Amino acid sequence: MSYAWLLERDAAELHLLLAPGHRAPAFNVAHLIVEDVDALHTRCVAAGARIVKALADKDYAMRTFVFADPDGNCIDVGTPD
């Protein structure tokens, strides 16, 4: 049995699905633009999230990192320079 949730804040929506037996893919499943990627990175590290790609300035004018959710799904987050 699967369960679904919809999270909303301001103009953003995030649809979540709990699916028993799910296996995370080898690619990033979400790409998010945030106001302060450094603050989010600090919170993720403090919470014990697995950092897949370190916080770095990219040549495409973004500061980004990738973390894995508890199921192993990779989420890419960044802030434009």
C-alpha atoms as a PDB file:
ATOM      1  CA  MET A   1       0.000   0.000   0.000  1.00  0.00           C
ATOM      2  CA  SER A   2       1.313   3.481  -0.883  1.00  0.00           C
ATOM      3  CA  TYR A   3       0.604   6.719   0.947  1.00  0.00           C
ATOM      4  CA  ALA A   4       0.823  10.220  -0.563  1.00  0.00           C
ATOM      5  CA  TRP A   5       1.182  13.694   0.954  1.00  0.00           C
ATOM      6  CA  LEU A   6       1.114  17.173  -0.512  1.00  0.00           C
ATOM      7  CA  LEU A   7       3.133  19.865   1.262  1.00  0.00           C
ATOM      8  CA  GLU A   8       2.463  23.503   0.364  1.00  0.00           C
ATOM      9  CA  ARG A   9       4.195  26.724   1.347  1.00  0.00           C
ATOM     10  CA  ASP A  10       3.732  30.029  -0.415  1.00  0.00           C
ATOM     11  CA  ALA A  11       3.876  29.258  -4.154  1.00  0.00           C
ATOM     12  CA  ALA A  12       5.709  25.920  -3.736  1.00  0.00           C
ATOM     13  CA  GLU A  13       4.270  22.414  -3.640  1.00  0.00           C
ATOM     14  CA  LEU A  14       6.045  19.165  -2.833  1.00  0.00           C
ATOM     15  CA  HIS A  15       4.337  15.854  -3.535  1.00  0.00           C
ATOM     16  CA  LEU A  16       5.583  12.933  -1.441  1.00  0.00           C
ATOM     17  CA  LEU A  17       4.874   9.239  -1.821  1.00  0.00           C
ATOM     18  CA  LEU A  18       5.621   6.438   0.629  1.00  0.00           C
ATOM     19  CA  ALA A  19       6.027   3.244  -1.397  1.00  0.00           C
ATOM     20  CA  PRO A  20       7.205   0.113   0.402  1.00  0.00           C
ATOM     21  CA  GLY A  21      10.048  -1.582  -1.468  1.00  0.00           C
ATOM     22  CA  HIS A  22      11.110   1.647  -3.220  1.00  0.00           C
ATOM     23  CA  ARG A  23      14.704   1.669  -4.452  1.00  0.00           C
ATOM     24  CA  ALA A  24      16.394   5.011  -4.970  1.00  0.00           C
ATOM     25  CA  PRO A  25      17.592   5.708  -8.517  1.00  0.00           C
ATOM     26  CA  ALA A  26      21.214   6.601  -9.288  1.00  0.00           C
ATOM     27  CA  PHE A  27      20.260  10.131 -10.418  1.00  0.00           C
ATOM     28  CA  ASN A  28      19.018  13.232  -8.560  1.00  0.00           C
ATOM     29  CA  VAL A  29      15.255  13.063  -8.093  1.00  0.00           C
ATOM     30  CA  ALA A  30      14.763  16.734  -7.219  1.00  0.00           C
ATOM     31  CA  HIS A  31      16.509  20.032  -7.897  1.00  0.00           C
ATOM     32  CA  LEU A  32      15.626  22.898  -5.574  1.00  0.00           C
ATOM     33  CA  ILE A  33      16.567  26.568  -5.586  1.00  0.00           C
ATOM     34  CA  VAL A  34      16.820  27.951  -2.037  1.00  0.00           C
ATOM     35  CA  GLU A  35      17.603  31.366  -0.587  1.00  0.00           C
ATOM     36  CA  ASP A  36      20.552  30.239   1.550  1.00  0.00           C
ATOM     37  CA  VAL A  37      22.208  26.984   0.508  1.00  0.00           C
ATOM     38  CA  ASP A  38      24.897  27.366   3.192  1.00  0.00           C
ATOM     39  CA  ALA A  39      22.286  27.487   5.962  1.00  0.00           C
ATOM     40  CA  LEU A  40      20.488  24.451   4.528  1.00  0.00           C
ATOM     41  CA  HIS A  41      23.790  22.562   4.274  1.00  0.00           C
ATOM     42  CA  THR A  42      24.506  23.343   7.941  1.00  0.00           C
ATOM     43  CA  ARG A  43      21.051  22.047   8.945  1.00  0.00           C
ATOM     44  CA  CYS A  44      21.433  18.877   6.875  1.00  0.00           C
ATOM     45  CA  VAL A  45      24.840  18.107   8.398  1.00  0.00           C
ATOM     46  CA  ALA A  46      23.521  18.790  11.925  1.00  0.00           C
ATOM     47  CA  ALA A  47      20.588  16.438  11.283  1.00  0.00           C
ATOM     48  CA  GLY A  48      22.928  13.686  10.101  1.00  0.00           C
ATOM     49  CA  ALA A  49      21.915  13.707   6.443  1.00  0.00           C
ATOM     50  CA  ARG A  50      24.269  11.923   4.065  1.00  0.00           C
ATOM     51  CA  ILE A  51      25.984  14.528   1.884  1.00  0.00           C
ATOM     52  CA  VAL A  52      26.458  12.995  -1.571  1.00  0.00           C
ATOM     53  CA  LYS A  53      28.237  15.935  -3.229  1.00  0.00           C
ATOM     54  CA  ALA A  54      30.012  18.563  -1.161  1.00  0.00           C
ATOM     55  CA  LEU A  55      28.953  22.204  -1.006  1.00  0.00           C
ATOM     56  CA  ALA A  56      30.717  23.986  -3.870  1.00  0.00           C
ATOM     57  CA  ASP A  57      30.601  26.967  -6.214  1.00  0.00           C
ATOM     58  CA  LYS A  58      29.834  25.747  -9.739  1.00  0.00           C
ATOM     59  CA  ASP A  59      30.904  27.266 -13.047  1.00  0.00           C
ATOM     60  CA  TYR A  60      27.226  27.697 -13.996  1.00  0.00           C
ATOM     61  CA  ALA A  61      26.760  30.464 -11.376  1.00  0.00           C
ATOM     62  CA  MET A  62      25.301  28.322  -8.576  1.00  0.00           C
ATOM     63  CA  ARG A  63      26.474  27.267  -5.128  1.00  0.00           C
ATOM     64  CA  THR A  64      25.172  23.731  -4.624  1.00  0.00           C
ATOM     65  CA  PHE A  65      25.331  20.441  -2.767  1.00  0.00           C
ATOM     66  CA  VAL A  66      23.524  17.117  -3.012  1.00  0.00           C
ATOM     67  CA  PHE A  67      22.153  15.176  -0.059  1.00  0.00           C
ATOM     68  CA  ALA A  68      20.306  11.873   0.261  1.00  0.00           C
ATOM     69  CA  ASP A  69      16.940  11.537   1.974  1.00  0.00           C
ATOM     70  CA  PRO A  70      16.373   8.600   4.366  1.00  0.00           C
ATOM     71  CA  ASP A  71      15.432   6.345   1.411  1.00  0.00           C
ATOM     72  CA  GLY A  72      18.608   7.228  -0.504  1.00  0.00           C
ATOM     73  CA  ASN A  73      16.994   9.582  -3.041  1.00  0.00           C
ATOM     74  CA  CYS A  74      19.441  12.306  -4.051  1.00  0.00           C
ATOM     75  CA  ILE A  75      18.272  15.927  -3.796  1.00  0.00           C
ATOM     76  CA  ASP A  76      20.302  18.690  -5.453  1.00  0.00           C
ATOM     77  CA  VAL A  77      19.936  22.140  -3.859  1.00  0.00           C
ATOM     78  CA  GLY A  78      21.490  25.432  -4.759  1.00  0.00           C
ATOM     79  CA  THR A  79      21.518  29.206  -4.587  1.00  0.00           C
ATOM     80  CA  PRO A  80      22.296  31.347  -7.641  1.00  0.00           C
ATOM     81  CA  ASP A  81      25.463  33.467  -7.367  1.00  0.00           C
END
